[in-house]
Amino acid sequence: QMQLVESGGDLVQPGGSLRLTCQASGFTLSSYSMGWYRQRPGKEREWVASRDFYGTMNYLDSVKGRFSISRSIPQNTVTLQMDNLGPEDTAVYFCNAHSIWGPGTQVTVSS
């Protein structure tokens, strides 16, 4: 069964960091373009960052310089490193690849 599962969400203070992981099973994640998305309270889901098949990475303007994508082929994962988090980053974060969505992981930025 092909699936994605996100992990790493937590409650963090403003200015803090979190590292989210997207674990794939049933398919090779590195064979596909993938993206990170988030849904903030009361908002629609939005694209945050992506890594295409060729390794090109793109980021939402508001997270450029703070978020970065990396991958581990042996572990079949893609991570989203998030630094200097602010309350506006509070959301459920999802990964997507091969038309598959994970269930999401909650990130809350609050003092």
C-alpha atoms as a PDB file:
ATOM      1  CA  GLN A   1       0.000   0.000   0.000  1.00  0.00           C
ATOM      2  CA  MET A   2       1.399   3.360  -1.016  1.00  0.00           C
ATOM      3  CA  GLN A   3       1.255   5.982   1.696  1.00  0.00           C
ATOM      4  CA  LEU A   4       2.894   9.037   3.179  1.00  0.00           C
ATOM      5  CA  VAL A   5       3.099   9.838   6.861  1.00  0.00           C
ATOM      6  CA  GLU A   6       4.279  13.143   8.290  1.00  0.00           C
ATOM      7  CA  SER A   7       5.878  13.515  11.701  1.00  0.00           C
ATOM      8  CA  GLY A   8       7.724  16.090  13.739  1.00  0.00           C
ATOM      9  CA  GLY A   9       4.960  18.578  14.445  1.00  0.00           C
ATOM     10  CA  ASP A  10       4.961  20.113  17.895  1.00  0.00           C
ATOM     11  CA  LEU A  11       4.345  23.203  19.985  1.00  0.00           C
ATOM     12  CA  VAL A  12       7.272  25.602  19.696  1.00  0.00           C
ATOM     13  CA  GLN A  13       7.958  29.157  20.821  1.00  0.00           C
ATOM     14  CA  PRO A  14       8.325  31.986  18.307  1.00  0.00           C
ATOM     15  CA  GLY A  15      11.808  31.985  16.875  1.00  0.00           C
ATOM     16  CA  GLY A  16      12.152  28.254  17.381  1.00  0.00           C
ATOM     17  CA  SER A  17      12.775  25.466  14.912  1.00  0.00           C
ATOM     18  CA  LEU A  18      11.153  22.213  13.915  1.00  0.00           C
ATOM     19  CA  ARG A  19      12.036  19.471  11.499  1.00  0.00           C
ATOM     20  CA  LEU A  20       9.188  17.711   9.770  1.00  0.00           C
ATOM     21  CA  THR A  21       9.640  14.343   8.115  1.00  0.00           C
ATOM     22  CA  CYS A  22       7.599  12.792   5.335  1.00  0.00           C
ATOM     23  CA  GLN A  23       8.002   9.019   5.301  1.00  0.00           C
ATOM     24  CA  ALA A  24       6.963   7.155   2.174  1.00  0.00           C
ATOM     25  CA  SER A  25       6.087   3.501   1.992  1.00  0.00           C
ATOM     26  CA  GLY A  26       5.076   1.359  -0.942  1.00  0.00           C
ATOM     27  CA  PHE A  27       6.893   3.529  -3.468  1.00  0.00           C
ATOM     28  CA  THR A  28      10.237   5.301  -3.918  1.00  0.00           C
ATOM     29  CA  LEU A  29       9.774   8.912  -2.916  1.00  0.00           C
ATOM     30  CA  SER A  30      12.866  10.109  -4.775  1.00  0.00           C
ATOM     31  CA  SER A  31      11.295   9.004  -8.071  1.00  0.00           C
ATOM     32  CA  TYR A  32       8.662  11.724  -7.839  1.00  0.00           C
ATOM     33  CA  SER A  33       8.329  15.419  -7.385  1.00  0.00           C
ATOM     34  CA  MET A  34       6.966  16.196  -3.940  1.00  0.00           C
ATOM     35  CA  GLY A  35       5.567  19.110  -2.050  1.00  0.00           C
ATOM     36  CA  TRP A  36       4.882  20.375   1.424  1.00  0.00           C
ATOM     37  CA  TYR A  37       1.602  22.122   2.058  1.00  0.00           C
ATOM     38  CA  ARG A  38      -0.073  23.607   5.092  1.00  0.00           C
ATOM     39  CA  GLN A  39      -3.511  24.544   6.232  1.00  0.00           C
ATOM     40  CA  ARG A  40      -3.624  27.393   8.693  1.00  0.00           C
ATOM     41  CA  PRO A  41      -6.636  27.836  10.981  1.00  0.00           C
ATOM     42  CA  GLY A  42      -9.588  29.112   8.990  1.00  0.00           C
ATOM     43  CA  LYS A  43      -7.634  29.076   5.740  1.00  0.00           C
ATOM     44  CA  GLU A  44      -7.454  26.872   2.695  1.00  0.00           C
ATOM     45  CA  ARG A  45      -4.575  24.508   2.192  1.00  0.00           C
ATOM     46  CA  GLU A  46      -1.612  26.261   0.579  1.00  0.00           C
ATOM     47  CA  TRP A  47       1.587  25.185  -1.055  1.00  0.00           C
ATOM     48  CA  VAL A  48       4.710  25.839   1.031  1.00  0.00           C
ATOM     49  CA  ALA A  49       7.648  24.202  -0.690  1.00  0.00           C
ATOM     50  CA  SER A  50       8.463  21.604  -3.282  1.00  0.00           C
ATOM     51  CA  ARG A  51      11.282  19.553  -4.687  1.00  0.00           C
ATOM     52  CA  ASP A  52      10.908  18.349  -8.234  1.00  0.00           C
ATOM     53  CA  PHE A  53      12.293  15.197  -9.772  1.00  0.00           C
ATOM     54  CA  TYR A  54      15.409  17.047 -10.939  1.00  0.00           C
ATOM     55  CA  GLY A  55      16.176  18.400  -7.489  1.00  0.00           C
ATOM     56  CA  THR A  56      14.927  21.933  -8.048  1.00  0.00           C
ATOM     57  CA  MET A  57      13.446  23.379  -4.893  1.00  0.00           C
ATOM     58  CA  ASN A  58      10.956  26.209  -4.639  1.00  0.00           C
ATOM     59  CA  TYR A  59       9.536  27.967  -1.613  1.00  0.00           C
ATOM     60  CA  LEU A  60       6.619  30.187  -0.745  1.00  0.00           C
ATOM     61  CA  ASP A  61       7.924  33.732  -0.464  1.00  0.00           C
ATOM     62  CA  SER A  62       7.005  33.996   3.211  1.00  0.00           C
ATOM     63  CA  VAL A  63       9.143  30.978   4.130  1.00  0.00           C
ATOM     64  CA  LYS A  64      12.165  31.619   1.888  1.00  0.00           C
ATOM     65  CA  GLY A  65      15.333  31.701   3.933  1.00  0.00           C
ATOM     66  CA  ARG A  66      13.610  30.021   6.877  1.00  0.00           C
ATOM     67  CA  PHE A  67      12.465  26.649   5.483  1.00  0.00           C
ATOM     68  CA  SER A  68      14.519  24.132   3.557  1.00  0.00           C
ATOM     69  CA  ILE A  69      13.868  20.730   2.017  1.00  0.00           C
ATOM     70  CA  SER A  70      16.232  17.800   2.108  1.00  0.00           C
ATOM     71  CA  ARG A  71      15.840  14.143   1.363  1.00  0.00           C
ATOM     72  CA  SER A  72      17.230  10.788   2.374  1.00  0.00           C
ATOM     73  CA  ILE A  73      17.096   8.190  -0.363  1.00  0.00           C
ATOM     74  CA  PRO A  74      18.049   5.272   1.942  1.00  0.00           C
ATOM     75  CA  GLN A  75      15.334   6.230   4.427  1.00  0.00           C
ATOM     76  CA  ASN A  76      12.821   7.104   1.695  1.00  0.00           C
ATOM     77  CA  THR A  77      12.027  10.392   3.415  1.00  0.00           C
ATOM     78  CA  VAL A  78      11.901  14.083   2.702  1.00  0.00           C
ATOM     79  CA  THR A  79      12.309  16.570   5.513  1.00  0.00           C
ATOM     80  CA  LEU A  80      11.270  20.174   5.935  1.00  0.00           C
ATOM     81  CA  GLN A  81      13.569  22.124   8.216  1.00  0.00           C
ATOM     82  CA  MET A  82      11.732  25.120   9.608  1.00  0.00           C
ATOM     83  CA  ASP A  83      13.667  27.858  11.393  1.00  0.00           C
ATOM     84  CA  ASN A  84      12.718  31.189  12.943  1.00  0.00           C
ATOM     85  CA  LEU A  85       9.125  30.096  13.217  1.00  0.00           C
ATOM     86  CA  GLY A  86       6.412  32.635  13.840  1.00  0.00           C
ATOM     87  CA  PRO A  87       2.758  32.393  14.895  1.00  0.00           C
ATOM     88  CA  GLU A  88       1.790  32.729  11.229  1.00  0.00           C
ATOM     89  CA  ASP A  89       3.398  29.330  10.611  1.00  0.00           C
ATOM     90  CA  THR A  90       0.882  27.607  12.860  1.00  0.00           C
ATOM     91  CA  ALA A  91      -0.848  25.028  10.680  1.00  0.00           C
ATOM     92  CA  VAL A  92      -1.306  21.400   9.865  1.00  0.00           C
ATOM     93  CA  TYR A  93       1.510  20.468   7.494  1.00  0.00           C
ATOM     94  CA  PHE A  94       1.036  17.869   4.770  1.00  0.00           C
ATOM     95  CA  CYS A  95       3.314  16.216   2.267  1.00  0.00           C
ATOM     96  CA  ASN A  96       2.213  15.148  -1.179  1.00  0.00           C
ATOM     97  CA  ALA A  97       3.792  12.980  -3.833  1.00  0.00           C
ATOM     98  CA  HIS A  98       2.553  10.603  -6.519  1.00  0.00           C
ATOM     99  CA  SER A  99      -0.974  12.007  -5.941  1.00  0.00           C
ATOM    100  CA  ILE A 100      -0.827  10.740  -2.366  1.00  0.00           C
ATOM    101  CA  TRP A 101      -1.421  12.899   0.706  1.00  0.00           C
ATOM    102  CA  GLY A 102      -0.299  12.198   4.206  1.00  0.00           C
ATOM    103  CA  PRO A 103      -2.638  12.770   7.175  1.00  0.00           C
ATOM    104  CA  GLY A 104      -0.714  15.843   8.304  1.00  0.00           C
ATOM    105  CA  THR A 105       1.181  16.910  11.398  1.00  0.00           C
ATOM    106  CA  GLN A 106       0.269  19.844  13.632  1.00  0.00           C
ATOM    107  CA  VAL A 107       2.704  22.706  14.090  1.00  0.00           C
ATOM    108  CA  THR A 108       1.799  25.295  16.703  1.00  0.00           C
ATOM    109  CA  VAL A 109       3.955  28.358  17.255  1.00  0.00           C
ATOM    110  CA  SER A 110       3.025  30.137  20.440  1.00  0.00           C
ATOM    111  CA  SER A 111       4.566  31.580  23.560  1.00  0.00           C
END
